Amino acid sequence: MLQTPQADIPDVESLVQGAMHTKLQVIRAERDRLRWELVDIRAELTDHRELQSELAQTRARIVSQDREIARLSTTQD
Protein backbone atom coordinates (compact mmCIF):
# COMPACT_ATOMS: atom_id res chain seq x y z
CA MET A 1 0.00 0.00 0.00
CA LEU A 2 1.30 3.44 -0.95
CA GLN A 3 1.36 5.95 1.86
CA THR A 4 1.60 9.71 1.52
CA PRO A 5 4.16 11.31 3.81
CA GLN A 6 2.61 13.45 6.53
CA ALA A 7 4.38 16.56 5.22
CA ASP A 8 2.55 16.26 1.88
CA ILE A 9 -0.95 16.14 3.43
CA PRO A 10 -1.19 19.92 4.10
CA ASP A 11 -0.04 20.56 0.52
CA VAL A 12 -2.78 18.30 -0.84
CA GLU A 13 -5.36 19.90 1.43
CA SER A 14 -4.16 23.32 0.34
CA LEU A 15 -4.49 22.34 -3.32
CA VAL A 16 -8.00 20.99 -2.75
CA GLN A 17 -9.02 24.14 -0.88
CA GLY A 18 -7.53 26.29 -3.64
CA ALA A 19 -9.43 24.35 -6.29
CA MET A 20 -12.65 24.64 -4.29
CA HIS A 21 -12.08 28.38 -3.84
CA THR A 22 -11.51 28.82 -7.58
CA LYS A 23 -14.65 26.82 -8.38
CA LEU A 24 -16.63 28.91 -5.91
CA GLN A 25 -15.38 32.11 -7.57
CA VAL A 26 -16.44 30.80 -10.98
CA ILE A 27 -19.89 29.90 -9.65
CA ARG A 28 -20.31 33.32 -8.02
CA ALA A 29 -19.23 35.10 -11.19
CA GLU A 30 -21.75 33.09 -13.21
CA ARG A 31 -24.45 33.86 -10.65
CA ASP A 32 -23.68 37.58 -10.85
CA ARG A 33 -23.69 37.47 -14.65
CA LEU A 34 -27.07 35.73 -14.63
CA ARG A 35 -28.47 38.28 -12.18
CA TRP A 36 -27.45 41.15 -14.48
CA GLU A 37 -28.88 39.28 -17.46
CA LEU A 38 -32.15 38.93 -15.55
CA VAL A 39 -32.17 42.67 -14.81
CA ASP A 40 -31.69 43.38 -18.53
CA ILE A 41 -34.42 40.94 -19.53
CA ARG A 42 -36.85 42.45 -17.03
CA ALA A 43 -36.12 45.93 -18.41
CA GLU A 44 -36.70 44.68 -21.95
CA LEU A 45 -39.96 43.07 -20.84
CA THR A 46 -41.10 46.33 -19.27
CA ASP A 47 -40.25 48.20 -22.48
CA HIS A 48 -42.09 45.58 -24.52
CA ARG A 49 -45.20 45.89 -22.33
CA GLU A 50 -45.12 49.68 -22.62
CA LEU A 51 -44.82 49.44 -26.40
CA GLN A 52 -47.70 46.95 -26.53
CA SER A 53 -49.81 49.38 -24.51
CA GLU A 54 -48.90 52.28 -26.82
CA LEU A 55 -49.69 50.14 -29.84
CA ALA A 56 -53.11 49.23 -28.43
CA GLN A 57 -53.84 52.91 -27.74
CA THR A 58 -52.75 53.89 -31.25
CA ARG A 59 -54.94 51.19 -32.78
CA ALA A 60 -57.90 52.41 -30.71
CA ARG A 61 -57.30 55.99 -31.92
CA ILE A 62 -57.16 54.80 -35.53
CA VAL A 63 -60.45 52.92 -35.13
CA SER A 64 -62.00 56.01 -33.55
CA GLN A 65 -60.70 58.26 -36.33
CA ASP A 66 -61.92 55.81 -38.99
CA ARG A 67 -65.39 55.92 -37.41
CA GLU A 68 -65.30 59.71 -37.32
CA ILE A 69 -64.24 59.84 -40.99
CA ALA A 70 -67.02 57.43 -41.92
CA ARG A 71 -69.58 59.47 -39.94
CA LEU A 72 -68.45 62.73 -41.54
CA SER A 73 -68.47 61.15 -44.98
CA THR A 74 -72.07 60.04 -44.58
CA THR A 75 -73.16 63.49 -43.41
CA GLN A 76 -71.53 65.12 -46.45
CA ASP A 77 -73.30 62.84 -48.92
C-alpha atoms as a PDB file:
ATOM      1  CA  MET A   1       0.000   0.000   0.000  1.00  0.00           C
ATOM      2  CA  LEU A   2       1.304   3.441  -0.955  1.00  0.00           C
ATOM      3  CA  GLN A   3       1.362   5.952   1.863  1.00  0.00           C
ATOM      4  CA  THR A   4       1.595   9.706   1.524  1.00  0.00           C
ATOM      5  CA  PRO A   5       4.163  11.309   3.811  1.00  0.00           C
ATOM      6  CA  GLN A   6       2.611  13.446   6.526  1.00  0.00           C
ATOM      7  CA  ALA A   7       4.378  16.559   5.221  1.00  0.00           C
ATOM      8  CA  ASP A   8       2.545  16.258   1.881  1.00  0.00           C
ATOM      9  CA  ILE A   9      -0.945  16.143   3.427  1.00  0.00           C
ATOM     10  CA  PRO A  10      -1.189  19.920   4.099  1.00  0.00           C
ATOM     11  CA  ASP A  11      -0.045  20.564   0.517  1.00  0.00           C
ATOM     12  CA  VAL A  12      -2.785  18.297  -0.843  1.00  0.00           C
ATOM     13  CA  GLU A  13      -5.357  19.903   1.429  1.00  0.00           C
ATOM     14  CA  SER A  14      -4.161  23.325   0.339  1.00  0.00           C
ATOM     15  CA  LEU A  15      -4.492  22.342  -3.321  1.00  0.00           C
ATOM     16  CA  VAL A  16      -7.996  20.986  -2.748  1.00  0.00           C
ATOM     17  CA  GLN A  17      -9.025  24.139  -0.884  1.00  0.00           C
ATOM     18  CA  GLY A  18      -7.535  26.293  -3.638  1.00  0.00           C
ATOM     19  CA  ALA A  19      -9.429  24.354  -6.294  1.00  0.00           C
ATOM     20  CA  MET A  20     -12.654  24.640  -4.295  1.00  0.00           C
ATOM     21  CA  HIS A  21     -12.083  28.376  -3.837  1.00  0.00           C
ATOM     22  CA  THR A  22     -11.512  28.821  -7.576  1.00  0.00           C
ATOM     23  CA  LYS A  23     -14.646  26.817  -8.385  1.00  0.00           C
ATOM     24  CA  LEU A  24     -16.626  28.912  -5.914  1.00  0.00           C
ATOM     25  CA  GLN A  25     -15.380  32.112  -7.570  1.00  0.00           C
ATOM     26  CA  VAL A  26     -16.444  30.801 -10.978  1.00  0.00           C
ATOM     27  CA  ILE A  27     -19.894  29.898  -9.652  1.00  0.00           C
ATOM     28  CA  ARG A  28     -20.311  33.316  -8.017  1.00  0.00           C
ATOM     29  CA  ALA A  29     -19.227  35.099 -11.192  1.00  0.00           C
ATOM     30  CA  GLU A  30     -21.750  33.094 -13.214  1.00  0.00           C
ATOM     31  CA  ARG A  31     -24.455  33.860 -10.650  1.00  0.00           C
ATOM     32  CA  ASP A  32     -23.679  37.576 -10.851  1.00  0.00           C
ATOM     33  CA  ARG A  33     -23.691  37.474 -14.652  1.00  0.00           C
ATOM     34  CA  LEU A  34     -27.075  35.729 -14.633  1.00  0.00           C
ATOM     35  CA  ARG A  35     -28.468  38.278 -12.179  1.00  0.00           C
ATOM     36  CA  TRP A  36     -27.452  41.150 -14.478  1.00  0.00           C
ATOM     37  CA  GLU A  37     -28.882  39.284 -17.457  1.00  0.00           C
ATOM     38  CA  LEU A  38     -32.152  38.930 -15.548  1.00  0.00           C
ATOM     39  CA  VAL A  39     -32.170  42.673 -14.811  1.00  0.00           C
ATOM     40  CA  ASP A  40     -31.692  43.383 -18.528  1.00  0.00           C
ATOM     41  CA  ILE A  41     -34.423  40.940 -19.533  1.00  0.00           C
ATOM     42  CA  ARG A  42     -36.853  42.449 -17.034  1.00  0.00           C
ATOM     43  CA  ALA A  43     -36.118  45.930 -18.410  1.00  0.00           C
ATOM     44  CA  GLU A  44     -36.696  44.681 -21.949  1.00  0.00           C
ATOM     45  CA  LEU A  45     -39.956  43.068 -20.843  1.00  0.00           C
ATOM     46  CA  THR A  46     -41.103  46.331 -19.269  1.00  0.00           C
ATOM     47  CA  ASP A  47     -40.251  48.202 -22.483  1.00  0.00           C
ATOM     48  CA  HIS A  48     -42.093  45.584 -24.521  1.00  0.00           C
ATOM     49  CA  ARG A  49     -45.197  45.887 -22.334  1.00  0.00           C
ATOM     50  CA  GLU A  50     -45.121  49.678 -22.625  1.00  0.00           C
ATOM     51  CA  LEU A  51     -44.821  49.438 -26.403  1.00  0.00           C
ATOM     52  CA  GLN A  52     -47.697  46.950 -26.526  1.00  0.00           C
ATOM     53  CA  SER A  53     -49.813  49.382 -24.515  1.00  0.00           C
ATOM     54  CA  GLU A  54     -48.895  52.285 -26.816  1.00  0.00           C
ATOM     55  CA  LEU A  55     -49.686  50.135 -29.837  1.00  0.00           C
ATOM     56  CA  ALA A  56     -53.108  49.232 -28.432  1.00  0.00           C
ATOM     57  CA  GLN A  57     -53.845  52.910 -27.738  1.00  0.00           C
ATOM     58  CA  THR A  58     -52.754  53.894 -31.247  1.00  0.00           C
ATOM     59  CA  ARG A  59     -54.939  51.190 -32.777  1.00  0.00           C
ATOM     60  CA  ALA A  60     -57.896  52.410 -30.712  1.00  0.00           C
ATOM     61  CA  ARG A  61     -57.297  55.992 -31.918  1.00  0.00           C
ATOM     62  CA  ILE A  62     -57.162  54.800 -35.531  1.00  0.00           C
ATOM     63  CA  VAL A  63     -60.445  52.924 -35.129  1.00  0.00           C
ATOM     64  CA  SER A  64     -62.001  56.010 -33.545  1.00  0.00           C
ATOM     65  CA  GLN A  65     -60.704  58.260 -36.330  1.00  0.00           C
ATOM     66  CA  ASP A  66     -61.918  55.814 -38.986  1.00  0.00           C
ATOM     67  CA  ARG A  67     -65.394  55.919 -37.408  1.00  0.00           C
ATOM     68  CA  GLU A  68     -65.300  59.711 -37.317  1.00  0.00           C
ATOM     69  CA  ILE A  69     -64.237  59.839 -40.993  1.00  0.00           C
ATOM     70  CA  ALA A  70     -67.024  57.430 -41.915  1.00  0.00           C
ATOM     71  CA  ARG A  71     -69.576  59.469 -39.940  1.00  0.00           C
ATOM     72  CA  LEU A  72     -68.449  62.731 -41.539  1.00  0.00           C
ATOM     73  CA  SER A  73     -68.466  61.147 -44.982  1.00  0.00           C
ATOM     74  CA  THR A  74     -72.074  60.037 -44.575  1.00  0.00           C
ATOM     75  CA  THR A  75     -73.164  63.494 -43.412  1.00  0.00           C
ATOM     76  CA  GLN A  76     -71.529  65.121 -46.451  1.00  0.00           C
ATOM     77  CA  ASP A  77     -73.299  62.840 -48.917  1.00  0.00           C
END
